[in-house]
């Protein structure tokens, strides 16, 4: 997986799109810290992504998470 800055991506846009068309994934990074902000993937791979199924409770259960609900990942894992 190739990683490029926004500037490199802009300068080589057509070449990058051709690589993506051939099946390659490209990571786009931003800023001085080169924070990874996006991944370009071929549309066929994006389109095939399956949605998660609810499982055996489908149609019999529901879950609502209110906007004011706050819990860290660690707290969630520990419960």
Protein backbone atom coordinates (compact mmCIF):
# COMPACT_ATOMS: atom_id res chain seq x y z
CA UNK A 1 0.00 0.00 0.00
CA UNK A 2 1.57 3.24 -1.16
CA UNK A 3 1.34 6.36 1.04
CA UNK A 4 1.35 9.87 -0.44
CA UNK A 5 1.01 13.39 0.89
CA UNK A 6 -1.77 15.59 -0.43
CA UNK A 7 0.76 17.51 -2.55
CA UNK A 8 2.12 14.34 -4.13
CA UNK A 9 -1.41 13.14 -4.77
CA UNK A 10 -2.36 16.40 -6.48
CA UNK A 11 0.80 16.43 -8.60
CA UNK A 12 0.33 12.85 -9.84
CA UNK A 13 -3.47 12.60 -9.82
CA UNK A 14 -3.91 10.79 -13.15
CA UNK A 15 -1.12 8.31 -12.43
CA UNK A 16 -2.57 7.56 -8.99
CA UNK A 17 -6.04 6.95 -10.41
CA UNK A 18 -4.56 4.52 -12.92
CA UNK A 19 -2.90 2.59 -10.07
CA UNK A 20 -6.21 2.47 -8.20
CA UNK A 21 -7.97 1.22 -11.35
CA UNK A 22 -5.44 -1.62 -11.47
CA UNK A 23 -6.35 -2.65 -7.91
CA UNK A 24 -3.82 -0.83 -5.74
CA UNK A 25 -4.81 0.93 -2.52
CA UNK A 26 -3.34 4.38 -1.85
CA UNK A 27 -3.09 6.08 1.57
CA UNK A 28 -3.34 9.89 1.64
CA UNK A 29 -1.58 11.70 4.49
CA UNK A 30 -1.89 15.34 5.53
CA UNK A 31 0.12 17.95 7.40
CA UNK A 32 3.59 18.06 8.89
CA UNK A 33 2.92 14.93 10.93
CA UNK A 34 1.69 13.14 7.80
CA UNK A 35 -1.47 12.03 9.57
CA UNK A 36 -3.26 9.37 7.53
CA UNK A 37 -6.64 10.77 6.55
CA UNK A 38 -7.94 8.63 3.66
CA UNK A 39 -7.48 5.48 1.64
CA UNK A 40 -8.31 5.27 -2.05
CA UNK A 41 -9.56 1.82 -2.99
CA UNK A 42 -10.92 0.48 -6.26
CA UNK A 43 -14.68 1.01 -6.40
CA UNK A 44 -15.30 -2.69 -7.00
CA UNK A 45 -13.67 -3.49 -3.63
CA UNK A 46 -15.63 -0.73 -1.86
CA UNK A 47 -18.90 -1.85 -3.43
CA UNK A 48 -18.49 -5.50 -2.32
CA UNK A 49 -18.07 -4.57 1.33
CA UNK A 50 -20.73 -6.43 3.29
CA UNK A 51 -22.86 -4.82 5.92
CA UNK A 52 -22.94 -6.36 9.38
CA UNK A 53 -25.93 -8.50 10.17
CA UNK A 54 -27.84 -8.17 13.45
CA UNK A 55 -27.87 -11.94 13.91
CA UNK A 56 -30.45 -14.12 15.62
CA UNK A 57 -32.28 -11.15 17.16
CA UNK A 58 -32.97 -9.51 13.78
CA UNK A 59 -36.54 -8.24 13.84
CA UNK A 60 -36.95 -8.99 17.56
CA UNK A 61 -34.57 -6.52 19.19
CA UNK A 62 -33.35 -2.97 18.77
CA UNK A 63 -30.72 -0.71 20.24
CA UNK A 64 -30.81 3.07 20.60
CA UNK A 65 -27.73 5.01 21.68
CA UNK A 66 -28.53 8.55 22.76
CA UNK A 67 -26.35 11.51 21.75
CA UNK A 68 -25.36 12.25 25.36
CA UNK A 69 -24.01 8.70 25.93
CA UNK A 70 -20.29 8.89 26.67
CA UNK A 71 -17.96 5.97 27.34
CA UNK A 72 -14.34 5.40 26.41
CA UNK A 73 -13.23 2.35 24.43
CA UNK A 74 -11.46 1.03 27.53
CA UNK A 75 -14.59 1.36 29.67
CA UNK A 76 -16.61 -0.45 27.01
CA UNK A 77 -14.12 -3.30 26.82
CA UNK A 78 -13.94 -3.65 30.60
CA UNK A 79 -17.73 -3.93 31.06
